[in-house]
């Protein structure tokens, strides 16, 4: 029987590529701010504001109605706030916190009761090497990613007795459309990770061999 994978933040970049690459072997549900409603055999997509609990609850409810269980949930939503700390305004700070930290916590609060009842489940937090070490001009982004990593660790520690796993994957710069827009010709100098490498990493974590992995660093500089 195919396992269920939900991807929060699955309509562009990494999330979109994962959704496409996992559909052959898994039952997949995705959500995002720009998602267009779609329902097909083994797949669905819904528009969802991950800073709003009601949207998250509706997404999870749809997944349960369609697939009857949750095996793996991947949190891929994020905002790249890159700026000198003296230039960061309150609005940008709040927006980054809501997507990277608050939305992730809300999603965990919705799915963990289900996974506890199943006595099984896996939560994967798509993080960044900046979630481990800071860098100039990326202080807020780094702080939020570190917070999400700490939440992931707490999820694992609090729910191991229920057979639930939680993993943070810290990717370096990934070759996506948004990265090309941001870095232009300088992107290739950063030795970016391909989307195919990201997909292979996630497939490994979904395999039996990857079950014991709690944290993973792929590419980038610490």
Protein backbone atom coordinates (compact mmCIF):
# COMPACT_ATOMS: atom_id res chain seq x y z
CA UNK A 1 0.00 0.00 0.00
CA UNK A 2 1.31 3.44 -0.91
CA UNK A 3 2.15 5.76 1.97
CA UNK A 4 0.79 9.29 2.31
CA UNK A 5 3.01 12.36 2.00
CA UNK A 6 1.69 15.88 2.58
CA UNK A 7 3.73 18.89 1.47
CA UNK A 8 3.00 22.27 3.04
CA UNK A 9 4.45 24.84 0.69
CA UNK A 10 4.27 22.61 -2.36
CA UNK A 11 3.35 24.89 -5.25
CA UNK A 12 6.72 26.22 -6.39
CA UNK A 13 10.45 25.55 -6.17
CA UNK A 14 11.45 22.69 -3.89
CA UNK A 15 7.88 21.81 -2.90
CA UNK A 16 6.61 21.66 -6.45
CA UNK A 17 9.50 19.45 -7.54
CA UNK A 18 9.00 17.12 -4.59
CA UNK A 19 5.29 16.80 -5.30
CA UNK A 20 5.96 15.83 -8.91
CA UNK A 21 8.79 13.46 -8.02
CA UNK A 22 6.92 11.62 -5.25
CA UNK A 23 3.59 11.09 -6.99
CA UNK A 24 4.62 7.83 -8.63
CA UNK A 25 5.41 6.03 -5.37
CA UNK A 26 3.30 7.88 -2.79
CA UNK A 27 -0.16 9.34 -2.24
CA UNK A 28 0.51 13.09 -2.24
CA UNK A 29 -1.32 16.17 -1.01
CA UNK A 30 0.06 19.68 -1.39
CA UNK A 31 -0.97 23.14 -0.27
CA UNK A 32 0.26 26.68 -0.77
CA UNK A 33 -0.84 30.28 -1.19
CA UNK A 34 -1.01 29.97 -4.99
CA UNK A 35 -2.24 26.39 -5.26
CA UNK A 36 -5.06 25.66 -7.68
CA UNK A 37 -7.63 23.13 -6.49
CA UNK A 38 -6.93 19.72 -7.96
CA UNK A 39 -8.21 16.23 -7.24
CA UNK A 40 -7.03 13.11 -9.00
CA UNK A 41 -6.24 9.51 -8.20
CA UNK A 42 -3.64 9.62 -5.44
CA UNK A 43 -3.14 13.39 -5.49
CA UNK A 44 -4.81 16.60 -4.37
CA UNK A 45 -3.88 20.27 -4.09
CA UNK A 46 -5.49 23.05 -2.08
CA UNK A 47 -4.94 26.77 -1.64
CA UNK A 48 -3.84 27.41 1.93
CA UNK A 49 -2.51 30.29 3.99
CA UNK A 50 -0.16 28.52 6.38
CA UNK A 51 -0.32 31.39 8.85
CA UNK A 52 -4.01 30.66 9.43
CA UNK A 53 -4.99 27.69 11.58
CA UNK A 54 -8.36 27.24 9.86
CA UNK A 55 -6.67 26.81 6.47
CA UNK A 56 -4.23 24.27 7.89
CA UNK A 57 -7.06 22.38 9.58
CA UNK A 58 -9.02 22.24 6.33
CA UNK A 59 -5.96 20.93 4.44
CA UNK A 60 -5.32 18.18 6.99
CA UNK A 61 -9.02 17.28 7.07
CA UNK A 62 -9.07 16.92 3.28
CA UNK A 63 -6.03 14.64 3.44
CA UNK A 64 -7.70 12.41 6.02
CA UNK A 65 -10.95 12.25 4.06
CA UNK A 66 -9.08 11.29 0.90
CA UNK A 67 -6.27 9.06 2.19
CA UNK A 68 -7.56 7.98 5.66
CA UNK A 69 -4.14 8.39 7.32
CA UNK A 70 -1.02 10.58 7.48
CA UNK A 71 2.41 8.99 7.15
CA UNK A 72 4.78 11.87 6.39
CA UNK A 73 4.28 15.63 6.48
CA UNK A 74 6.91 17.91 4.92
CA UNK A 75 7.01 21.57 5.96
CA UNK A 76 8.60 23.54 3.15
CA UNK A 77 7.04 26.99 3.56
CA UNK A 78 9.32 29.97 4.13
CA UNK A 79 10.21 33.58 3.42
CA UNK A 80 13.74 34.66 2.57
CA UNK A 81 14.26 37.88 4.51
CA UNK A 82 17.83 38.90 3.73
CA UNK A 83 18.85 42.30 5.07
CA UNK A 84 21.08 44.08 7.55
CA UNK A 85 19.52 43.80 10.99
CA UNK A 86 19.27 47.59 11.27
CA UNK A 87 17.08 47.64 8.17
CA UNK A 88 14.59 44.98 9.25
CA UNK A 89 11.15 46.43 9.92
CA UNK A 90 8.46 45.00 12.18
CA UNK A 91 6.16 44.03 9.34
CA UNK A 92 8.82 41.90 7.58
CA UNK A 93 9.88 40.38 10.90
CA UNK A 94 6.32 39.36 11.76
CA UNK A 95 5.67 37.97 8.27
CA UNK A 96 8.80 35.81 8.41
CA UNK A 97 7.96 34.52 11.88
CA UNK A 98 4.38 33.67 10.90
CA UNK A 99 5.42 31.54 7.93
CA UNK A 100 8.57 29.80 9.19
CA UNK A 101 7.70 29.31 12.88
CA UNK A 102 4.03 29.95 13.63
CA UNK A 103 2.68 28.08 10.60
CA UNK A 104 4.95 25.13 11.32
CA UNK A 105 3.77 24.96 14.94
CA UNK A 106 0.12 25.20 13.86
CA UNK A 107 0.60 22.34 11.40
CA UNK A 108 2.30 20.17 14.04
CA UNK A 109 -0.57 20.83 16.44
CA UNK A 110 -3.05 19.62 13.82
CA UNK A 111 -1.22 16.49 12.69
CA UNK A 112 0.36 15.20 15.90
CA UNK A 113 -2.92 14.04 17.52
CA UNK A 114 -3.60 12.02 14.36
CA UNK A 115 -0.12 10.53 14.29
CA UNK A 116 -0.28 9.74 18.01
CA UNK A 117 -3.49 7.82 17.44
CA UNK A 118 -1.82 5.97 14.55
CA UNK A 119 1.27 5.48 16.72
CA UNK A 120 3.34 6.29 13.66
CA UNK A 121 4.32 9.26 11.53
CA UNK A 122 7.19 11.36 10.27
CA UNK A 123 7.54 15.14 10.17
CA UNK A 124 10.25 16.60 7.93
CA UNK A 125 11.25 20.24 8.32
CA UNK A 126 12.93 21.66 5.22
CA UNK A 127 15.49 23.96 6.77
CA UNK A 128 18.74 25.59 5.70
CA UNK A 129 22.40 25.62 6.67
CA UNK A 130 21.50 29.08 7.98
CA UNK A 131 19.37 27.24 10.52
CA UNK A 132 22.65 26.05 12.04
CA UNK A 133 24.96 29.02 11.65
CA UNK A 134 24.32 32.70 10.98
CA UNK A 135 25.57 34.83 8.10
CA UNK A 136 25.80 38.55 7.49
CA UNK A 137 22.56 39.94 6.09
CA UNK A 138 20.61 36.81 7.02
CA UNK A 139 20.18 37.25 10.76
CA UNK A 140 16.38 37.15 10.92
CA UNK A 141 16.11 34.30 8.43
CA UNK A 142 18.72 32.34 10.39
CA UNK A 143 16.98 32.99 13.72
CA UNK A 144 13.62 31.78 12.39
CA UNK A 145 15.12 28.67 10.83
CA UNK A 146 16.87 27.88 14.11
CA UNK A 147 13.56 28.24 15.92
CA UNK A 148 11.91 25.81 13.49
CA UNK A 149 14.79 23.37 14.02
CA UNK A 150 14.25 23.57 17.79
CA UNK A 151 10.54 22.88 17.29
CA UNK A 152 11.45 19.82 15.23
CA UNK A 153 13.73 18.56 18.00
CA UNK A 154 10.94 19.09 20.55
CA UNK A 155 8.45 17.22 18.36
CA UNK A 156 10.83 14.28 18.18
CA UNK A 157 11.56 14.21 21.92
CA UNK A 158 7.92 14.59 22.96
CA UNK A 159 6.52 12.05 20.52
CA UNK A 160 9.10 9.28 20.20
CA UNK A 161 7.01 7.14 22.58
CA UNK A 162 4.21 7.26 19.98
CA UNK A 163 6.46 6.02 17.19
CA UNK A 164 6.65 9.48 15.61
CA UNK A 165 9.87 10.71 14.00
CA UNK A 166 10.95 14.26 13.18
CA UNK A 167 13.83 15.34 10.96
CA UNK A 168 15.35 18.68 9.98
CA UNK A 169 17.09 18.80 6.59
CA UNK A 170 19.54 21.69 6.26
CA UNK A 171 20.09 22.43 2.58
CA UNK A 172 22.60 24.88 1.19
CA UNK A 173 21.57 27.13 -1.72
CA UNK A 174 19.22 25.24 -4.02
CA UNK A 175 19.00 25.95 -7.74
CA UNK A 176 15.39 27.16 -7.96
CA UNK A 177 13.69 29.89 -9.93
CA UNK A 178 13.64 32.19 -6.90
CA UNK A 179 17.37 31.60 -6.30
CA UNK A 180 18.13 32.49 -9.92
CA UNK A 181 16.08 35.66 -9.58
CA UNK A 182 17.87 36.63 -6.37
CA UNK A 183 21.47 35.77 -7.23
CA UNK A 184 21.53 35.96 -11.01
CA UNK A 185 24.90 35.00 -12.52
CA UNK A 186 26.42 34.63 -9.06
CA UNK A 187 24.30 31.57 -8.28
CA UNK A 188 26.61 29.07 -9.99
CA UNK A 189 29.56 30.39 -7.98
CA UNK A 190 27.76 29.15 -4.87
CA UNK A 191 27.80 25.53 -6.08
CA UNK A 192 24.00 25.20 -5.73
CA UNK A 193 22.22 21.95 -4.99
CA UNK A 194 20.03 20.61 -7.77
CA UNK A 195 16.35 19.94 -7.22
CA UNK A 196 17.01 16.33 -8.15
CA UNK A 197 19.47 16.11 -5.24
CA UNK A 198 16.77 17.48 -2.93
CA UNK A 199 14.31 14.86 -4.17
CA UNK A 200 16.82 12.04 -3.67
CA UNK A 201 17.48 13.27 -0.12
CA UNK A 202 13.78 13.23 0.76
CA UNK A 203 13.31 9.80 -0.83
CA UNK A 204 16.16 8.53 1.34
CA UNK A 205 14.46 9.90 4.47
CA UNK A 206 11.24 8.19 3.42
CA UNK A 207 13.04 4.86 3.07
CA UNK A 208 13.75 2.29 5.77
CA UNK A 209 17.43 3.29 5.70
CA UNK A 210 16.56 6.89 6.54
CA UNK A 211 14.28 6.14 9.47
CA UNK A 212 16.86 6.89 12.17
CA UNK A 213 18.10 10.17 10.72
CA UNK A 214 17.18 13.13 12.93
CA UNK A 215 19.18 15.86 11.18
CA UNK A 216 20.89 16.09 7.83
CA UNK A 217 23.13 18.69 6.18
CA UNK A 218 23.22 18.72 2.38
CA UNK A 219 25.62 21.10 0.61
CA UNK A 220 26.23 24.70 1.54
CA UNK A 221 28.72 26.26 3.94
CA UNK A 222 28.39 26.37 7.72
